[in-house]
C-alpha atoms as a PDB file:
ATOM      1  CA  MET A   1     431.882 180.530  -9.678  1.00  0.00           C
ATOM      2  CA  GLN A   2     429.948 183.627  -8.657  1.00  0.00           C
ATOM      3  CA  LYS A   3     426.182 183.525  -9.163  1.00  0.00           C
ATOM      4  CA  VAL A   4     424.000 186.526  -9.961  1.00  0.00           C
ATOM      5  CA  GLU A   5     420.431 186.480  -8.684  1.00  0.00           C
ATOM      6  CA  ILE A   6     418.148 187.893 -11.378  1.00  0.00           C
ATOM      7  CA  ALA A   7     414.810 187.034  -9.784  1.00  0.00           C
ATOM      8  CA  PRO A   8     413.653 185.410  -6.539  1.00  0.00           C
ATOM      9  CA  GLY A   9     415.004 181.861  -6.633  1.00  0.00           C
ATOM     10  CA  VAL A  10     416.667 182.328 -10.031  1.00  0.00           C
ATOM     11  CA  ALA A  11     420.431 182.855 -10.148  1.00  0.00           C
ATOM     12  CA  LEU A  12     422.700 182.597 -13.197  1.00  0.00           C
ATOM     13  CA  SER A  13     426.372 181.698 -13.208  1.00  0.00           C
ATOM     14  CA  ARG A  14     428.568 184.716 -13.935  1.00  0.00           C
ATOM     15  CA  LEU A  15     429.841 182.971 -17.065  1.00  0.00           C
ATOM     16  CA  VAL A  16     427.235 181.463 -19.381  1.00  0.00           C
ATOM     17  CA  TYR A  17     427.694 178.677 -21.928  1.00  0.00           C
ATOM     18  CA  GLY A  18     426.219 179.656 -25.289  1.00  0.00           C
ATOM     19  CA  MET A  19     424.693 176.833 -27.331  1.00  0.00           C
ATOM     20  CA  TRP A  20     424.090 178.633 -30.634  1.00  0.00           C
ATOM     21  CA  ARG A  21     426.718 176.464 -32.378  1.00  0.00           C
ATOM     22  CA  LEU A  22     425.619 173.156 -30.860  1.00  0.00           C
ATOM     23  CA  GLY A  23     424.412 171.825 -34.205  1.00  0.00           C
ATOM     24  CA  ASP A  24     427.629 172.821 -35.998  1.00  0.00           C
ATOM     25  CA  ASP A  25     429.654 170.178 -34.183  1.00  0.00           C
ATOM     26  CA  ASP A  26     430.592 167.013 -36.063  1.00  0.00           C
ATOM     27  CA  ASN A  27     429.361 165.123 -33.016  1.00  0.00           C
ATOM     28  CA  THR A  28     425.860 166.021 -31.824  1.00  0.00           C
ATOM     29  CA  ALA A  29     425.199 162.794 -29.911  1.00  0.00           C
ATOM     30  CA  PRO A  30     423.461 163.237 -26.548  1.00  0.00           C
ATOM     31  CA  SER A  31     426.519 161.875 -24.751  1.00  0.00           C
ATOM     32  CA  HIS A  32     428.745 164.513 -26.348  1.00  0.00           C
ATOM     33  CA  VAL A  33     426.351 167.341 -25.480  1.00  0.00           C
ATOM     34  CA  GLN A  34     426.223 165.915 -21.958  1.00  0.00           C
ATOM     35  CA  ALA A  35     430.032 166.009 -21.809  1.00  0.00           C
ATOM     36  CA  LYS A  36     429.962 169.713 -22.673  1.00  0.00           C
ATOM     37  CA  ILE A  37     427.438 170.427 -19.925  1.00  0.00           C
ATOM     38  CA  GLU A  38     429.438 168.435 -17.398  1.00  0.00           C
ATOM     39  CA  ALA A  39     432.630 170.269 -18.401  1.00  0.00           C
ATOM     40  CA  CYS A  40     430.801 173.511 -17.648  1.00  0.00           C
ATOM     41  CA  LEU A  41     429.443 172.248 -14.341  1.00  0.00           C
ATOM     42  CA  ALA A  42     432.922 171.187 -13.240  1.00  0.00           C
ATOM     43  CA  GLN A  43     433.841 174.890 -13.332  1.00  0.00           C
ATOM     44  CA  GLY A  44     430.648 176.161 -11.722  1.00  0.00           C
ATOM     45  CA  ILE A  45     429.155 177.278 -15.044  1.00  0.00           C
ATOM     46  CA  THR A  46     425.517 176.297 -14.604  1.00  0.00           C
ATOM     47  CA  THR A  47     423.696 178.517 -17.108  1.00  0.00           C
ATOM     48  CA  MET A  48     423.042 177.302 -20.667  1.00  0.00           C
ATOM     49  CA  ASP A  49     421.993 179.871 -23.267  1.00  0.00           C
ATOM     50  CA  GLN A  50     419.661 178.764 -26.067  1.00  0.00           C
ATOM     51  CA  ALA A  51     417.199 180.268 -28.548  1.00  0.00           C
ATOM     52  CA  ASP A  52     414.450 178.654 -30.554  1.00  0.00           C
ATOM     53  CA  ILE A  53     416.091 179.786 -33.813  1.00  0.00           C
ATOM     54  CA  TYR A  54     419.572 178.425 -33.046  1.00  0.00           C
ATOM     55  CA  GLY A  55     420.666 175.777 -35.510  1.00  0.00           C
ATOM     56  CA  GLY A  56     417.685 176.480 -37.739  1.00  0.00           C
ATOM     57  CA  TYR A  57     415.314 175.666 -34.856  1.00  0.00           C
ATOM     58  CA  ALA A  58     417.249 172.471 -34.047  1.00  0.00           C
ATOM     59  CA  ALA A  59     419.661 173.326 -31.196  1.00  0.00           C
ATOM     60  CA  GLU A  60     417.058 173.128 -28.431  1.00  0.00           C
ATOM     61  CA  ALA A  61     416.287 169.535 -29.413  1.00  0.00           C
ATOM     62  CA  LEU A  62     419.968 168.622 -29.121  1.00  0.00           C
ATOM     63  CA  LEU A  63     419.963 169.887 -25.555  1.00  0.00           C
ATOM     64  CA  GLY A  64     416.694 168.063 -24.923  1.00  0.00           C
ATOM     65  CA  ALA A  65     418.124 164.777 -26.141  1.00  0.00           C
ATOM     66  CA  ALA A  66     421.013 165.129 -23.696  1.00  0.00           C
ATOM     67  CA  LEU A  67     418.634 165.899 -20.826  1.00  0.00           C
ATOM     68  CA  LYS A  68     416.487 162.880 -21.699  1.00  0.00           C
ATOM     69  CA  ALA A  69     419.587 160.696 -21.620  1.00  0.00           C
ATOM     70  CA  ALA A  70     420.797 162.211 -18.341  1.00  0.00           C
ATOM     71  CA  PRO A  71     417.715 163.679 -16.588  1.00  0.00           C
ATOM     72  CA  ASP A  72     419.644 164.414 -13.399  1.00  0.00           C
ATOM     73  CA  LEU A  73     421.388 167.262 -15.247  1.00  0.00           C
ATOM     74  CA  ARG A  74     418.229 169.385 -15.479  1.00  0.00           C
ATOM     75  CA  ASP A  75     418.198 170.407 -11.834  1.00  0.00           C
ATOM     76  CA  LYS A  76     421.880 171.321 -12.008  1.00  0.00           C
ATOM     77  CA  ILE A  77     421.498 173.934 -14.741  1.00  0.00           C
ATOM     78  CA  GLU A  78     419.553 177.057 -15.626  1.00  0.00           C
ATOM     79  CA  ILE A  79     418.116 177.203 -19.134  1.00  0.00           C
ATOM     80  CA  VAL A  80     417.884 180.498 -20.974  1.00  0.00           C
ATOM     81  CA  THR A  81     416.076 180.595 -24.296  1.00  0.00           C
ATOM     82  CA  LYS A  82     414.672 183.207 -26.660  1.00  0.00           C
ATOM     83  CA  CYS A  83     411.824 183.684 -29.092  1.00  0.00           C
ATOM     84  CA  ASP A  84     410.219 186.067 -31.621  1.00  0.00           C
ATOM     85  CA  ILE A  85     412.499 185.618 -34.659  1.00  0.00           C
ATOM     86  CA  VAL A  86     410.683 183.817 -37.471  1.00  0.00           C
ATOM     87  CA  ALA A  87     413.036 182.791 -40.284  1.00  0.00           C
ATOM     88  CA  PRO A  88     412.110 180.691 -43.324  1.00  0.00           C
ATOM     89  CA  VAL A  89     413.955 177.573 -42.142  1.00  0.00           C
ATOM     90  CA  GLY A  90     413.091 174.493 -40.109  1.00  0.00           C
ATOM     91  CA  ARG A  91     409.605 174.547 -38.664  1.00  0.00           C
ATOM     92  CA  HIS A  92     409.006 178.000 -40.136  1.00  0.00           C
ATOM     93  CA  SER A  93     410.207 177.125 -43.643  1.00  0.00           C
ATOM     94  CA  ALA A  94     406.865 178.247 -45.074  1.00  0.00           C
ATOM     95  CA  ALA A  95     407.474 181.873 -44.013  1.00  0.00           C
ATOM     96  CA  ARG A  96     407.765 184.227 -47.009  1.00  0.00           C
ATOM     97  CA  VAL A  97     410.189 186.563 -45.250  1.00  0.00           C
ATOM     98  CA  LYS A  98     412.202 186.735 -42.057  1.00  0.00           C
ATOM     99  CA  TYR A  99     410.276 188.719 -39.458  1.00  0.00           C
ATOM    100  CA  TYR A 100     409.663 189.233 -35.740  1.00  0.00           C
ATOM    101  CA  ASP A 101     406.521 188.097 -33.956  1.00  0.00           C
ATOM    102  CA  THR A 102     405.821 189.266 -30.410  1.00  0.00           C
ATOM    103  CA  SER A 103     402.135 188.405 -30.498  1.00  0.00           C
ATOM    104  CA  ALA A 104     400.789 186.469 -27.528  1.00  0.00           C
ATOM    105  CA  ALA A 105     399.893 183.536 -29.778  1.00  0.00           C
ATOM    106  CA  HIS A 106     403.420 183.243 -31.179  1.00  0.00           C
ATOM    107  CA  ILE A 107     405.224 183.678 -27.864  1.00  0.00           C
ATOM    108  CA  THR A 108     403.001 181.097 -26.182  1.00  0.00           C
ATOM    109  CA  ALA A 109     403.451 178.623 -29.033  1.00  0.00           C
ATOM    110  CA  SER A 110     407.214 179.201 -29.013  1.00  0.00           C
ATOM    111  CA  VAL A 111     407.441 178.530 -25.282  1.00  0.00           C
ATOM    112  CA  GLU A 112     405.432 175.318 -25.604  1.00  0.00           C
ATOM    113  CA  ALA A 113     407.707 174.191 -28.445  1.00  0.00           C
ATOM    114  CA  SER A 114     410.844 175.045 -26.447  1.00  0.00           C
ATOM    115  CA  LEU A 115     409.574 173.076 -23.440  1.00  0.00           C
ATOM    116  CA  ARG A 116     408.954 170.045 -25.659  1.00  0.00           C
ATOM    117  CA  GLU A 117     412.232 170.330 -27.564  1.00  0.00           C
ATOM    118  CA  MET A 118     414.327 170.692 -24.406  1.00  0.00           C
ATOM    119  CA  ALA A 119     412.408 168.029 -22.497  1.00  0.00           C
ATOM    120  CA  THR A 120     411.755 170.284 -19.532  1.00  0.00           C
ATOM    121  CA  ASP A 121     408.773 171.609 -17.617  1.00  0.00           C
ATOM    122  CA  ARG A 122     410.213 175.077 -17.107  1.00  0.00           C
ATOM    123  CA  ILE A 123     412.373 177.746 -18.689  1.00  0.00           C
ATOM    124  CA  ASP A 124     414.462 179.609 -16.138  1.00  0.00           C
ATOM    125  CA  LEU A 125     414.803 182.743 -18.257  1.00  0.00           C
ATOM    126  CA  LEU A 126     412.887 183.629 -21.416  1.00  0.00           C
ATOM    127  CA  LEU A 127     414.125 186.502 -23.575  1.00  0.00           C
ATOM    128  CA  ILE A 128     412.417 188.371 -26.394  1.00  0.00           C
ATOM    129  CA  HIS A 129     415.208 187.927 -28.945  1.00  0.00           C
ATOM    130  CA  ARG A 130     414.911 191.129 -30.992  1.00  0.00           C
ATOM    131  CA  PRO A 131     412.916 194.351 -30.618  1.00  0.00           C
ATOM    132  CA  ASP A 132     409.829 194.092 -32.793  1.00  0.00           C
ATOM    133  CA  PRO A 133     408.814 197.363 -34.525  1.00  0.00           C
ATOM    134  CA  LEU A 134     405.273 195.989 -34.719  1.00  0.00           C
ATOM    135  CA  MET A 135     405.113 195.019 -31.034  1.00  0.00           C
ATOM    136  CA  ASP A 136     401.940 195.699 -29.091  1.00  0.00           C
ATOM    137  CA  ALA A 137     403.585 196.208 -25.697  1.00  0.00           C
ATOM    138  CA  CYS A 138     400.364 195.591 -23.788  1.00  0.00           C
ATOM    139  CA  GLU A 139     399.753 192.263 -25.532  1.00  0.00           C
ATOM    140  CA  THR A 140     403.375 191.143 -25.265  1.00  0.00           C
ATOM    141  CA  GLY A 141     403.701 192.247 -21.662  1.00  0.00           C
ATOM    142  CA  ALA A 142     400.479 190.517 -20.596  1.00  0.00           C
ATOM    143  CA  CYS A 143     401.615 187.315 -22.302  1.00  0.00           C
ATOM    144  CA  LEU A 144     404.989 187.343 -20.519  1.00  0.00           C
ATOM    145  CA  ASP A 145     403.261 188.018 -17.193  1.00  0.00           C
ATOM    146  CA  ALA A 146     400.931 185.063 -17.798  1.00  0.00           C
ATOM    147  CA  LEU A 147     403.841 182.757 -18.607  1.00  0.00           C
ATOM    148  CA  VAL A 148     405.575 183.711 -15.363  1.00  0.00           C
ATOM    149  CA  ALA A 149     402.346 183.211 -13.412  1.00  0.00           C
ATOM    150  CA  SER A 150     401.928 179.759 -14.987  1.00  0.00           C
ATOM    151  CA  GLY A 151     405.335 178.615 -13.750  1.00  0.00           C
ATOM    152  CA  LYS A 152     406.415 177.544 -17.228  1.00  0.00           C
ATOM    153  CA  VAL A 153     408.763 180.541 -17.300  1.00  0.00           C
ATOM    154  CA  ARG A 154     410.531 181.547 -14.099  1.00  0.00           C
ATOM    155  CA  SER A 155     411.760 184.967 -15.249  1.00  0.00           C
ATOM    156  CA  VAL A 156     411.709 187.128 -18.363  1.00  0.00           C
ATOM    157  CA  GLY A 157     414.002 189.585 -20.087  1.00  0.00           C
ATOM    158  CA  VAL A 158     414.967 190.862 -23.514  1.00  0.00           C
ATOM    159  CA  SER A 159     417.822 190.753 -25.981  1.00  0.00           C
ATOM    160  CA  ASN A 160     419.224 193.457 -28.271  1.00  0.00           C
ATOM    161  CA  PHE A 161     416.825 196.077 -26.844  1.00  0.00           C
ATOM    162  CA  ARG A 162     417.746 199.728 -26.568  1.00  0.00           C
ATOM    163  CA  PRO A 163     416.687 201.548 -23.379  1.00  0.00           C
ATOM    164  CA  TRP A 164     413.519 202.952 -24.968  1.00  0.00           C
ATOM    165  CA  ASP A 165     412.456 199.495 -26.190  1.00  0.00           C
ATOM    166  CA  PHE A 166     413.107 198.155 -22.693  1.00  0.00           C
ATOM    167  CA  THR A 167     411.049 200.796 -20.890  1.00  0.00           C
ATOM    168  CA  LEU A 168     408.170 200.479 -23.355  1.00  0.00           C
ATOM    169  CA  LEU A 169     407.773 196.773 -22.692  1.00  0.00           C
ATOM    170  CA  GLN A 170     408.400 197.117 -18.950  1.00  0.00           C
ATOM    171  CA  SER A 171     405.703 199.798 -18.712  1.00  0.00           C
ATOM    172  CA  ALA A 172     403.120 197.226 -19.794  1.00  0.00           C
ATOM    173  CA  MET A 173     404.195 194.493 -17.363  1.00  0.00           C
ATOM    174  CA  LYS A 174     403.752 193.455 -13.753  1.00  0.00           C
ATOM    175  CA  SER A 175     406.776 191.142 -13.850  1.00  0.00           C
ATOM    176  CA  ARG A 176     410.234 192.678 -13.845  1.00  0.00           C
ATOM    177  CA  LEU A 177     412.411 192.407 -16.926  1.00  0.00           C
ATOM    178  CA  VAL A 178     415.540 190.967 -15.356  1.00  0.00           C
ATOM    179  CA  THR A 179     418.191 191.317 -18.064  1.00  0.00           C
ATOM    180  CA  ASN A 180     419.036 192.496 -21.564  1.00  0.00           C
ATOM    181  CA  GLN A 181     421.391 190.376 -23.642  1.00  0.00           C
ATOM    182  CA  ILE A 182     423.328 192.658 -25.993  1.00  0.00           C
ATOM    183  CA  GLU A 183     426.565 192.559 -27.939  1.00  0.00           C
ATOM    184  CA  ILE A 184     429.438 193.821 -25.780  1.00  0.00           C
ATOM    185  CA  SER A 185     433.146 193.211 -26.257  1.00  0.00           C
ATOM    186  CA  LEU A 186     436.421 195.031 -26.734  1.00  0.00           C
ATOM    187  CA  SER A 187     435.337 195.325 -30.357  1.00  0.00           C
ATOM    188  CA  SER A 188     431.716 196.297 -29.645  1.00  0.00           C
ATOM    189  CA  HIS A 189     432.392 198.745 -26.828  1.00  0.00           C
ATOM    190  CA  ALA A 190     429.784 201.399 -27.681  1.00  0.00           C
ATOM    191  CA  PRO A 191     427.403 200.247 -24.894  1.00  0.00           C
ATOM    192  CA  PHE A 192     429.837 201.699 -22.351  1.00  0.00           C
ATOM    193  CA  THR A 193     429.312 205.205 -23.763  1.00  0.00           C
ATOM    194  CA  ASN A 194     425.973 205.195 -25.606  1.00  0.00           C
ATOM    195  CA  GLY A 195     423.858 204.813 -22.477  1.00  0.00           C
ATOM    196  CA  ASP A 196     423.074 201.090 -22.679  1.00  0.00           C
ATOM    197  CA  VAL A 197     425.290 200.006 -19.781  1.00  0.00           C
ATOM    198  CA  ALA A 198     424.478 203.096 -17.711  1.00  0.00           C
ATOM    199  CA  PHE A 199     420.714 202.591 -18.175  1.00  0.00           C
ATOM    200  CA  HIS A 200     420.788 199.051 -16.821  1.00  0.00           C
ATOM    201  CA  GLN A 201     423.387 199.751 -14.158  1.00  0.00           C
ATOM    202  CA  GLU A 202     421.230 202.550 -12.758  1.00  0.00           C
ATOM    203  CA  ARG A 203     418.365 200.084 -12.407  1.00  0.00           C
ATOM    204  CA  GLY A 204     420.472 197.258 -10.987  1.00  0.00           C
ATOM    205  CA  ILE A 205     419.755 195.066 -14.003  1.00  0.00           C
ATOM    206  CA  PRO A 206     422.705 192.858 -15.006  1.00  0.00           C
ATOM    207  CA  LEU A 207     423.458 192.676 -18.723  1.00  0.00           C
ATOM    208  CA  MET A 208     424.287 189.505 -20.597  1.00  0.00           C
ATOM    209  CA  ALA A 209     426.968 189.943 -23.280  1.00  0.00           C
ATOM    210  CA  TRP A 210     426.777 187.946 -26.488  1.00  0.00           C
ATOM    211  CA  SER A 211     429.849 187.556 -28.715  1.00  0.00           C
ATOM    212  CA  PRO A 212     432.227 188.749 -25.959  1.00  0.00           C
ATOM    213  CA  LEU A 213     435.193 187.688 -28.113  1.00  0.00           C
ATOM    214  CA  ALA A 214     433.806 189.430 -31.217  1.00  0.00           C
ATOM    215  CA  GLY A 215     433.875 186.202 -33.171  1.00  0.00           C
ATOM    216  CA  GLY A 216     437.660 186.148 -33.025  1.00  0.00           C
ATOM    217  CA  SER A 217     437.998 189.499 -34.813  1.00  0.00           C
ATOM    218  CA  LEU A 218     439.965 190.873 -31.848  1.00  0.00           C
ATOM    219  CA  LEU A 219     442.962 189.073 -33.337  1.00  0.00           C
ATOM    220  CA  SER A 220     442.582 190.565 -36.821  1.00  0.00           C
ATOM    221  CA  GLY A 221     445.403 192.507 -38.445  1.00  0.00           C
ATOM    222  CA  SER A 222     443.721 195.857 -37.871  1.00  0.00           C
ATOM    223  CA  GLN A 223     443.722 195.177 -34.130  1.00  0.00           C
ATOM    224  CA  ALA A 224     447.478 194.565 -33.791  1.00  0.00           C
ATOM    225  CA  PRO A 225     448.070 196.730 -30.666  1.00  0.00           C
ATOM    226  CA  LEU A 226     445.052 195.203 -28.918  1.00  0.00           C
ATOM    227  CA  ARG A 227     446.095 191.700 -29.952  1.00  0.00           C
ATOM    228  CA  GLU A 228     449.601 192.218 -28.613  1.00  0.00           C
ATOM    229  CA  ALA A 229     448.293 193.588 -25.305  1.00  0.00           C
ATOM    230  CA  LEU A 230     445.867 190.679 -24.849  1.00  0.00           C
ATOM    231  CA  HIS A 231     448.612 188.148 -25.509  1.00  0.00           C
ATOM    232  CA  ARG A 232     451.077 189.937 -23.205  1.00  0.00           C
ATOM    233  CA  ILE A 233     448.639 190.137 -20.301  1.00  0.00           C
ATOM    234  CA  GLY A 234     447.556 186.551 -20.866  1.00  0.00           C
ATOM    235  CA  THR A 235     451.161 185.348 -20.800  1.00  0.00           C
ATOM    236  CA  GLU A 236     451.812 187.314 -17.621  1.00  0.00           C
ATOM    237  CA  GLN A 237     448.809 185.707 -15.909  1.00  0.00           C
ATOM    238  CA  GLY A 238     449.111 182.231 -17.396  1.00  0.00           C
ATOM    239  CA  VAL A 239     445.916 182.250 -19.452  1.00  0.00           C
ATOM    240  CA  ASP A 240     444.837 182.471 -23.074  1.00  0.00           C
ATOM    241  CA  TRP A 241     444.192 185.881 -24.632  1.00  0.00           C
ATOM    242  CA  SER A 242     440.460 185.126 -24.712  1.00  0.00           C
ATOM    243  CA  ALA A 243     440.340 184.885 -20.913  1.00  0.00           C
ATOM    244  CA  VAL A 244     441.762 188.412 -20.715  1.00  0.00           C
ATOM    245  CA  ALA A 245     439.132 189.741 -23.133  1.00  0.00           C
ATOM    246  CA  VAL A 246     436.349 188.173 -21.071  1.00  0.00           C
ATOM    247  CA  ALA A 247     437.907 189.382 -17.811  1.00  0.00           C
ATOM    248  CA  TRP A 248     437.765 192.920 -19.241  1.00  0.00           C
ATOM    249  CA  LEU A 249     433.962 192.602 -19.207  1.00  0.00           C
ATOM    250  CA  LEU A 250     433.869 190.928 -15.796  1.00  0.00           C
ATOM    251  CA  ARG A 251     435.883 193.825 -14.351  1.00  0.00           C
ATOM    252  CA  HIS A 252     433.035 196.272 -14.961  1.00  0.00           C
ATOM    253  CA  PRO A 253     430.900 196.973 -11.852  1.00  0.00           C
ATOM    254  CA  SER A 254     427.590 196.521 -13.713  1.00  0.00           C
ATOM    255  CA  ARG A 255     427.837 192.703 -13.329  1.00  0.00           C
ATOM    256  CA  ILE A 256     428.025 191.757 -17.010  1.00  0.00           C
ATOM    257  CA  LEU A 257     427.432 188.048 -17.713  1.00  0.00           C
ATOM    258  CA  PRO A 258     429.469 187.014 -20.793  1.00  0.00           C
ATOM    259  CA  VAL A 259     427.939 184.279 -22.970  1.00  0.00           C
ATOM    260  CA  LEU A 260     430.650 182.080 -24.487  1.00  0.00           C
ATOM    261  CA  GLY A 261     430.087 179.414 -27.091  1.00  0.00           C
ATOM    262  CA  THR A 262     432.496 176.791 -28.388  1.00  0.00           C
ATOM    263  CA  ASN A 263     432.181 173.163 -29.403  1.00  0.00           C
ATOM    264  CA  SER A 264     435.721 172.313 -28.310  1.00  0.00           C
ATOM    265  CA  LEU A 265     435.727 170.412 -25.024  1.00  0.00           C
ATOM    266  CA  GLU A 266     439.272 171.643 -24.418  1.00  0.00           C
ATOM    267  CA  ARG A 267     438.223 175.264 -24.779  1.00  0.00           C
ATOM    268  CA  ILE A 268     435.109 174.696 -22.668  1.00  0.00           C
ATOM    269  CA  THR A 269     437.300 173.516 -19.780  1.00  0.00           C
ATOM    270  CA  LYS A 270     439.161 176.834 -19.915  1.00  0.00           C
ATOM    271  CA  ILE A 271     436.178 179.209 -19.956  1.00  0.00           C
ATOM    272  CA  SER A 272     436.475 179.891 -16.230  1.00  0.00           C
ATOM    273  CA  ASP A 273     440.102 181.035 -16.628  1.00  0.00           C
ATOM    274  CA  ALA A 274     438.648 184.510 -17.082  1.00  0.00           C
ATOM    275  CA  THR A 275     437.683 184.608 -13.414  1.00  0.00           C
ATOM    276  CA  ARG A 276     441.360 184.244 -12.434  1.00  0.00           C
ATOM    277  CA  VAL A 277     442.537 187.277 -14.404  1.00  0.00           C
ATOM    278  CA  GLU A 278     443.218 190.427 -12.401  1.00  0.00           C
ATOM    279  CA  LEU A 279     442.923 193.752 -14.214  1.00  0.00           C
ATOM    280  CA  ASP A 280     443.702 196.954 -12.385  1.00  0.00           C
ATOM    281  CA  ARG A 281     442.195 200.231 -13.579  1.00  0.00           C
ATOM    282  CA  GLN A 282     445.170 201.212 -15.741  1.00  0.00           C
ATOM    283  CA  THR A 283     445.269 197.820 -17.454  1.00  0.00           C
ATOM    284  CA  TRP A 284     441.523 198.005 -18.124  1.00  0.00           C
ATOM    285  CA  PHE A 285     442.013 201.408 -19.728  1.00  0.00           C
ATOM    286  CA  GLU A 286     445.056 200.178 -21.645  1.00  0.00           C
ATOM    287  CA  LEU A 287     442.860 197.603 -23.364  1.00  0.00           C
ATOM    288  CA  TYR A 288     440.080 200.156 -23.843  1.00  0.00           C
ATOM    289  CA  THR A 289     442.533 202.602 -25.420  1.00  0.00           C
ATOM    290  CA  HIS A 290     443.646 199.970 -27.922  1.00  0.00           C
ATOM    291  CA  ALA A 291     440.011 199.053 -28.589  1.00  0.00           C
ATOM    292  CA  ILE A 292     438.908 202.608 -29.428  1.00  0.00           C
ATOM    293  CA  GLY A 293     442.139 203.361 -31.296  1.00  0.00           C
ATOM    294  CA  HIS A 294     443.184 206.470 -29.354  1.00  0.00           C
ATOM    295  CA  GLU A 295     443.725 207.643 -25.812  1.00  0.00           C
ATOM    296  CA  VAL A 296     440.703 208.804 -23.859  1.00  0.00           C
ATOM    297  CA  PRO A 297     440.042 212.569 -24.002  1.00  0.00           C
END
């Protein structure tokens, strides 16, 4: 599995295992979570994607329980997590409204909680989960710099930021923002034309793509031509349609890192099939044409 270096000494696997549904599984025992991690590692998938809010602020603890039970796993993986969303559930159930908090006090407290929940002494990549319209960039940036300097966080980035949000925060920081995790898929293809991909590609900043399979909507009735093409190409190359959809992202030269989440061990073992799919330029554009619903101009 290819690795992408995002910061000195920090490299992520090209495919990332998303843990947002970890708590939705009927089996959340540490041994079962461990089995999922080991199924990823067997394919070279070493990066685990978390967020404090996942599972109503409970998913990080599920990962932590697995790492406590099998501590040797920690040095074999990279942990990504996120903060700044405060929702009235779990440990923030007293909140009156869902909101974002990028204050230094909240970010620091969130990182300390994530370290405890995941039973680790470091976070390999910390992301600000959503752009905060009330963000004080100087305060937020200084806090992120301090966390990197402390060693508790090895690198920092953002999620769901537009280019202007990204440059605002970066302008107030010494550390480099190393990635932006945004929604990209055959269904959510606007980033290829609205400047998001171009902005990061120009700066050599790899994007992470959440929901690369569009939550399964790529197979909906309205997407019949796209669905048929995905199935045809998958059959030709001996993989599931989902591997073709992920390969479509991998084919782009900007080094997109798709984040894939499933609780099925069988499906986890097939995540890396996407790296075996070969898409020439015409096939890439065939899928893109079906995705946008018309031929390119």
